[in-house]
Amino acid sequence: MYNLKDLHFSTERLYIRPITVNDRQGWLEGFNNRHPSQYRHDKGKVNMDECDKDWFFSYVKNIQNLIKNDDTYIFGLFLKNGQHIGMADIKILSRSDFQWGECGYFLHNQFWGNGYAYEAMHKIIEQCLDTLQLHRIEAHINVDNEPSKNLIKKLGFKYECTREKFIYEFDEWTDNEVYFINLHNERIIEE
């Protein structure tokens, strides 16, 4: 539905775009240089042994197909020097009369505390309300994930509800709080 070039955004410090096969080395470095887990919602170090060139080529091809099919838009987050710092995505929940999506994101923990998540998500949400012509974007966040809730609120999302036993994580069904932003909310707070 959208040309991959239409999905390249930049901010003062970041490039935001779909991952390409040329990103493998930087993508691996981002994961391999992670610090140990710092709290429950931080995976910390991740074993990347299975991520050889063939695996990565398949991963990128899958991302391109998801975008082509207007299913999920997955973005790599890069510093202007090319260093991979994390990922974000917009999953299309419904088109037709809804134009409804869900956002997700993670930053490698070695880059936390620099405002990169806010900077990236601010641009992605703004562009997805406009470029992808979404009316509503939701964020589903674990009830005890205060950093993510604070980020979403700072972006202008509003609390809607708590969905009980909504997602299977940590070997149990956990509750999620649902936040949303739409074209009728105040637009994202400008810095």
Protein backbone atom coordinates (compact mmCIF):
# COMPACT_ATOMS: atom_id res chain seq x y z
CA MET A 1 0.00 0.00 0.00
CA TYR A 2 2.82 2.41 0.86
CA ASN A 3 6.19 2.78 -0.82
CA LEU A 4 9.01 1.98 1.62
CA LYS A 5 10.57 5.38 0.84
CA ASP A 6 7.39 7.06 2.19
CA LEU A 7 8.20 5.45 5.52
CA HIS A 8 11.58 7.16 6.08
CA PHE A 9 11.41 9.81 8.78
CA SER A 10 14.04 11.81 10.58
CA THR A 11 14.27 13.90 13.71
CA GLU A 12 17.03 16.08 15.10
CA ARG A 13 19.02 13.02 16.26
CA LEU A 14 17.39 9.99 14.62
CA TYR A 15 16.62 8.20 11.38
CA ILE A 16 13.46 6.09 11.48
CA ARG A 17 12.84 3.63 8.66
CA PRO A 18 12.13 0.00 7.82
CA ILE A 19 15.11 -2.32 8.34
CA THR A 20 17.01 -3.41 5.22
CA VAL A 21 19.36 -6.35 4.61
CA ASN A 22 22.28 -3.88 4.88
CA ASP A 23 21.40 -3.20 8.54
CA ARG A 24 22.34 -6.65 9.87
CA GLN A 25 25.67 -5.72 11.48
CA GLY A 26 24.36 -2.62 13.27
CA TRP A 27 21.18 -4.44 14.27
CA LEU A 28 23.24 -7.27 15.82
CA GLU A 29 25.53 -4.80 17.61
CA GLY A 30 22.51 -3.12 19.19
CA PHE A 31 21.37 -6.44 20.67
CA ASN A 32 24.86 -7.75 21.50
CA ASN A 33 25.82 -4.59 23.42
CA ARG A 34 22.75 -4.61 25.66
CA HIS A 35 23.25 -4.41 29.41
CA PRO A 36 21.85 -7.11 31.71
CA SER A 37 18.14 -6.78 32.46
CA GLN A 38 17.42 -3.71 34.57
CA TYR A 39 13.82 -4.49 35.52
CA ARG A 40 10.96 -6.90 34.78
CA HIS A 41 10.04 -5.46 31.35
CA ASP A 42 13.64 -5.34 30.10
CA LYS A 43 14.84 -8.50 28.35
CA GLY A 44 18.45 -7.45 28.87
CA LYS A 45 20.97 -9.47 26.92
CA VAL A 46 19.44 -11.56 24.14
CA ASN A 47 21.04 -14.62 22.53
CA MET A 48 21.44 -13.73 18.84
CA ASP A 49 23.25 -16.92 17.75
CA GLU A 50 20.48 -17.99 15.36
CA CYS A 51 20.49 -14.64 13.55
CA ASP A 52 22.79 -15.56 10.66
CA LYS A 53 22.58 -13.87 7.25
CA ASP A 54 19.83 -16.19 5.99
CA TRP A 55 17.72 -15.65 9.11
CA PHE A 56 18.14 -11.88 8.84
CA PHE A 57 17.30 -11.85 5.11
CA SER A 58 14.09 -13.75 5.91
CA TYR A 59 13.34 -11.33 8.78
CA VAL A 60 13.69 -8.30 6.49
CA LYS A 61 11.60 -9.96 3.77
CA ASN A 62 8.87 -10.63 6.35
CA ILE A 63 8.91 -6.96 7.43
CA GLN A 64 8.61 -5.85 3.80
CA ASN A 65 5.66 -8.22 3.26
CA LEU A 66 3.89 -6.97 6.39
CA ILE A 67 4.25 -3.39 5.11
CA LYS A 68 3.19 -4.34 1.57
CA ASN A 69 0.07 -6.02 2.99
CA ASP A 70 -0.77 -3.01 5.21
CA ASP A 71 -0.55 -5.30 8.26
CA THR A 72 2.32 -4.02 10.43
CA TYR A 73 4.80 -1.20 9.87
CA ILE A 74 8.07 -2.07 11.60
CA PHE A 75 10.70 0.65 11.93
CA GLY A 76 14.35 0.54 12.89
CA LEU A 77 15.50 3.42 15.07
CA PHE A 78 18.98 4.71 14.24
CA LEU A 79 21.18 7.50 15.53
CA LYS A 80 22.33 9.85 12.77
CA ASN A 81 25.71 8.05 12.85
CA GLY A 82 23.89 4.85 11.77
CA GLN A 83 23.92 3.09 15.15
CA HIS A 84 20.83 0.92 15.70
CA ILE A 85 19.16 1.83 19.01
CA GLY A 86 15.79 0.06 18.88
CA MET A 87 12.59 -0.74 17.04
CA ALA A 88 9.02 0.52 16.83
CA ASP A 89 5.94 -0.74 15.08
CA ILE A 90 2.43 0.20 14.12
CA LYS A 91 0.06 -2.77 13.77
CA ILE A 92 -3.09 -2.13 11.75
CA LEU A 93 -6.02 -3.41 13.81
CA SER A 94 -8.76 -2.35 11.41
CA ARG A 95 -9.13 -0.20 8.31
CA SER A 96 -12.57 0.48 6.70
CA ASP A 97 -14.64 2.59 9.09
CA PHE A 98 -12.07 2.55 11.92
CA GLN A 99 -8.56 3.41 10.64
CA TRP A 100 -7.24 1.95 13.88
CA GLY A 101 -3.72 0.88 14.84
CA GLU A 102 -1.63 -0.16 17.81
CA CYS A 103 1.91 1.03 18.55
CA GLY A 104 4.79 -0.77 20.20
CA TYR A 105 8.43 0.08 20.78
CA PHE A 106 11.64 -0.87 22.52
CA LEU A 107 15.00 0.78 22.95
CA HIS A 108 18.15 -1.20 23.64
CA ASN A 109 18.79 -0.55 27.33
CA GLN A 110 22.25 0.93 26.73
CA PHE A 111 20.47 3.93 25.13
CA TRP A 112 17.91 4.58 27.86
CA GLY A 113 17.74 7.97 29.54
CA ASN A 114 18.56 10.08 26.49
CA GLY A 115 15.03 10.94 25.32
CA TYR A 116 15.34 8.80 22.18
CA ALA A 117 12.11 6.85 22.78
CA TYR A 118 10.10 10.06 23.09
CA GLU A 119 11.77 11.60 20.04
CA ALA A 120 11.17 8.49 17.90
CA MET A 121 7.60 7.83 19.00
CA HIS A 122 6.65 11.48 18.67
CA LYS A 123 7.65 11.39 15.01
CA ILE A 124 6.19 7.94 14.31
CA ILE A 125 2.79 8.74 15.84
CA GLU A 126 2.62 12.08 14.03
CA GLN A 127 3.54 10.46 10.70
CA CYS A 128 1.21 7.49 11.14
CA LEU A 129 -1.79 9.66 11.91
CA ASP A 130 -0.94 11.59 8.72
CA THR A 131 0.94 9.30 6.28
CA LEU A 132 -0.86 6.04 7.13
CA GLN A 133 -4.13 7.95 7.52
CA LEU A 134 -4.91 6.38 10.87
CA HIS A 135 -7.64 7.91 13.00
CA ARG A 136 -6.79 6.13 16.26
CA ILE A 137 -3.61 4.57 17.67
CA GLU A 138 -3.59 2.54 20.87
CA ALA A 139 -0.80 1.49 23.20
CA HIS A 140 -1.27 -1.62 25.37
CA ILE A 141 0.99 -1.43 28.42
CA ASN A 142 1.53 -3.72 31.41
CA VAL A 143 -0.04 -2.17 34.50
CA ASP A 144 3.33 -2.09 36.29
CA ASN A 145 5.37 -0.64 33.40
CA GLU A 146 5.60 2.94 34.68
CA PRO A 147 8.29 4.15 32.21
CA SER A 148 6.15 3.18 29.20
CA LYS A 149 3.00 4.67 30.72
CA ASN A 150 4.85 7.92 31.41
CA LEU A 151 6.16 8.07 27.84
CA ILE A 152 2.75 7.45 26.29
CA LYS A 153 1.11 10.09 28.49
CA LYS A 154 3.83 12.60 27.56
CA LEU A 155 3.01 11.92 23.89
CA GLY A 156 -0.60 12.95 24.49
CA PHE A 157 -2.22 9.51 24.78
CA LYS A 158 -5.22 9.22 27.10
CA TYR A 159 -6.01 6.32 29.44
CA GLU A 160 -9.06 4.36 28.26
CA CYS A 161 -9.35 1.14 30.27
CA THR A 162 -7.61 -1.83 31.84
CA ARG A 163 -8.02 -5.14 30.03
CA GLU A 164 -7.80 -8.01 32.49
CA LYS A 165 -5.72 -11.09 31.62
CA PHE A 166 -5.09 -9.54 28.20
CA ILE A 167 -1.66 -10.89 27.20
CA TYR A 168 0.31 -14.01 28.08
CA GLU A 169 3.68 -12.87 29.48
CA PHE A 170 5.95 -13.97 32.32
CA ASP A 171 4.26 -17.40 32.31
CA GLU A 172 0.84 -15.97 33.14
CA TRP A 173 -2.01 -13.91 31.70
CA THR A 174 -1.34 -10.29 32.62
CA ASP A 175 -3.44 -7.13 32.67
CA ASN A 176 -2.75 -4.28 30.26
CA GLU A 177 -3.77 -0.65 30.41
CA VAL A 178 -5.01 0.75 27.10
CA TYR A 179 -4.09 4.29 26.08
CA PHE A 180 -5.14 5.99 22.84
CA ILE A 181 -4.60 9.01 20.69
CA ASN A 182 -6.72 10.03 17.73
CA LEU A 183 -7.24 12.93 15.39
CA HIS A 184 -9.64 14.51 17.89
CA ASN A 185 -7.19 14.44 20.84
CA GLU A 186 -4.92 17.38 21.33
CA ARG A 187 -2.06 16.62 18.99
CA ILE A 188 1.18 15.32 20.43
CA ILE A 189 2.86 17.76 22.77
CA GLU A 190 5.54 19.75 20.99
CA GLU A 191 8.80 20.38 22.81
